[in-house]
Protein backbone atom coordinates (compact mmCIF):
# COMPACT_ATOMS: atom_id res chain seq x y z
CA UNK A 1 -99.82 -18.95 -25.58
CA UNK A 2 -99.28 -16.33 -22.96
CA UNK A 3 -100.20 -16.56 -19.32
CA UNK A 4 -102.72 -13.99 -18.14
CA UNK A 5 -101.61 -12.05 -15.06
CA UNK A 6 -104.07 -12.31 -12.25
CA UNK A 7 -104.41 -9.76 -9.50
CA UNK A 8 -104.05 -11.02 -5.99
CA UNK A 9 -106.62 -8.37 -4.95
CA UNK A 10 -109.41 -9.35 -7.34
CA UNK A 11 -111.58 -12.25 -6.47
CA UNK A 12 -112.63 -14.25 -9.55
CA UNK A 13 -116.45 -14.06 -9.99
CA UNK A 14 -118.29 -17.31 -9.39
CA UNK A 15 -115.18 -19.12 -8.28
CA UNK A 16 -113.75 -20.21 -4.93
CA UNK A 17 -111.57 -17.68 -3.27
CA UNK A 18 -108.12 -19.30 -3.72
CA UNK A 19 -106.02 -16.15 -3.55
CA UNK A 20 -103.12 -16.32 -1.15
CA UNK A 21 -103.82 -15.20 2.45
CA UNK A 22 -100.27 -13.93 2.82
CA UNK A 23 -98.47 -12.10 0.05
CA UNK A 24 -94.67 -11.69 -0.41
CA UNK A 25 -92.78 -8.43 -0.83
CA UNK A 26 -92.33 -9.15 -4.43
CA UNK A 27 -96.06 -9.75 -4.97
CA UNK A 28 -96.92 -6.59 -3.04
CA UNK A 29 -94.65 -4.25 -4.95
CA UNK A 30 -95.84 -5.66 -8.27
CA UNK A 31 -99.48 -5.34 -7.44
CA UNK A 32 -99.11 -1.78 -6.01
CA UNK A 33 -96.70 -0.88 -8.93
CA UNK A 34 -94.18 0.62 -6.51
CA UNK A 35 -90.45 0.09 -5.86
CA UNK A 36 -88.96 -1.56 -2.82
CA UNK A 37 -87.73 1.87 -1.77
CA UNK A 38 -91.22 3.30 -1.90
CA UNK A 39 -92.46 0.26 0.12
CA UNK A 40 -89.89 1.11 2.75
CA UNK A 41 -91.06 4.73 2.79
CA UNK A 42 -94.66 3.61 3.24
CA UNK A 43 -93.75 1.33 6.09
CA UNK A 44 -91.79 4.10 7.78
CA UNK A 45 -93.96 7.16 7.07
CA UNK A 46 -97.60 5.96 6.72
CA UNK A 47 -98.92 4.93 10.09
CA UNK A 48 -102.07 3.40 8.42
CA UNK A 49 -99.91 0.96 6.20
CA UNK A 50 -100.26 -2.64 7.45
CA UNK A 51 -97.38 -4.11 9.32
CA UNK A 52 -95.67 -7.16 7.83
CA UNK A 53 -95.36 -10.55 9.47
CA UNK A 54 -91.87 -11.55 10.04
CA UNK A 55 -91.26 -15.28 9.36
CA UNK A 56 -87.48 -15.36 9.57
CA UNK A 57 -84.34 -13.92 8.19
CA UNK A 58 -85.27 -11.50 5.35
CA UNK A 59 -88.65 -13.21 5.09
CA UNK A 60 -91.71 -10.95 5.44
CA UNK A 61 -95.36 -11.50 4.42
CA UNK A 62 -98.35 -9.20 4.43
CA UNK A 63 -101.93 -10.33 5.14
CA UNK A 64 -103.74 -9.78 1.85
CA UNK A 65 -106.96 -8.69 3.63
CA UNK A 66 -105.10 -5.91 5.57
CA UNK A 67 -103.57 -4.61 2.28
CA UNK A 68 -106.97 -4.70 0.60
CA UNK A 69 -108.51 -2.75 3.57
CA UNK A 70 -105.62 -0.19 3.39
CA UNK A 71 -106.32 0.38 -0.32
CA UNK A 72 -110.00 0.81 0.32
CA UNK A 73 -109.25 3.30 3.21
CA UNK A 74 -106.96 5.39 0.87
CA UNK A 75 -109.66 5.41 -1.86
CA UNK A 76 -112.24 6.61 0.75
CA UNK A 77 -110.11 9.45 2.05
CA UNK A 78 -109.21 10.39 -1.55
CA UNK A 79 -112.86 10.85 -2.40
CA UNK A 80 -113.40 12.93 0.74
CA UNK A 81 -110.53 15.31 -0.12
CA UNK A 82 -111.52 15.77 -3.77
């Protein structure tokens, strides 16, 4: 039996929203399918990319809702350009 991978960005239909409010760096790069290097580039170069919350030494979290909003914004401007 294999475990099904669930997206942190997709709310299960008809269920309570129990997705995490804050997501880790590892969760973020997995869900966006990018490397840590690309994440660093996004943080440095894309002024619209959400800022992480610093919780302590080498411990950052992103607010899931801000990441979702950023993705939606990128999709909107993509459709305006195309």
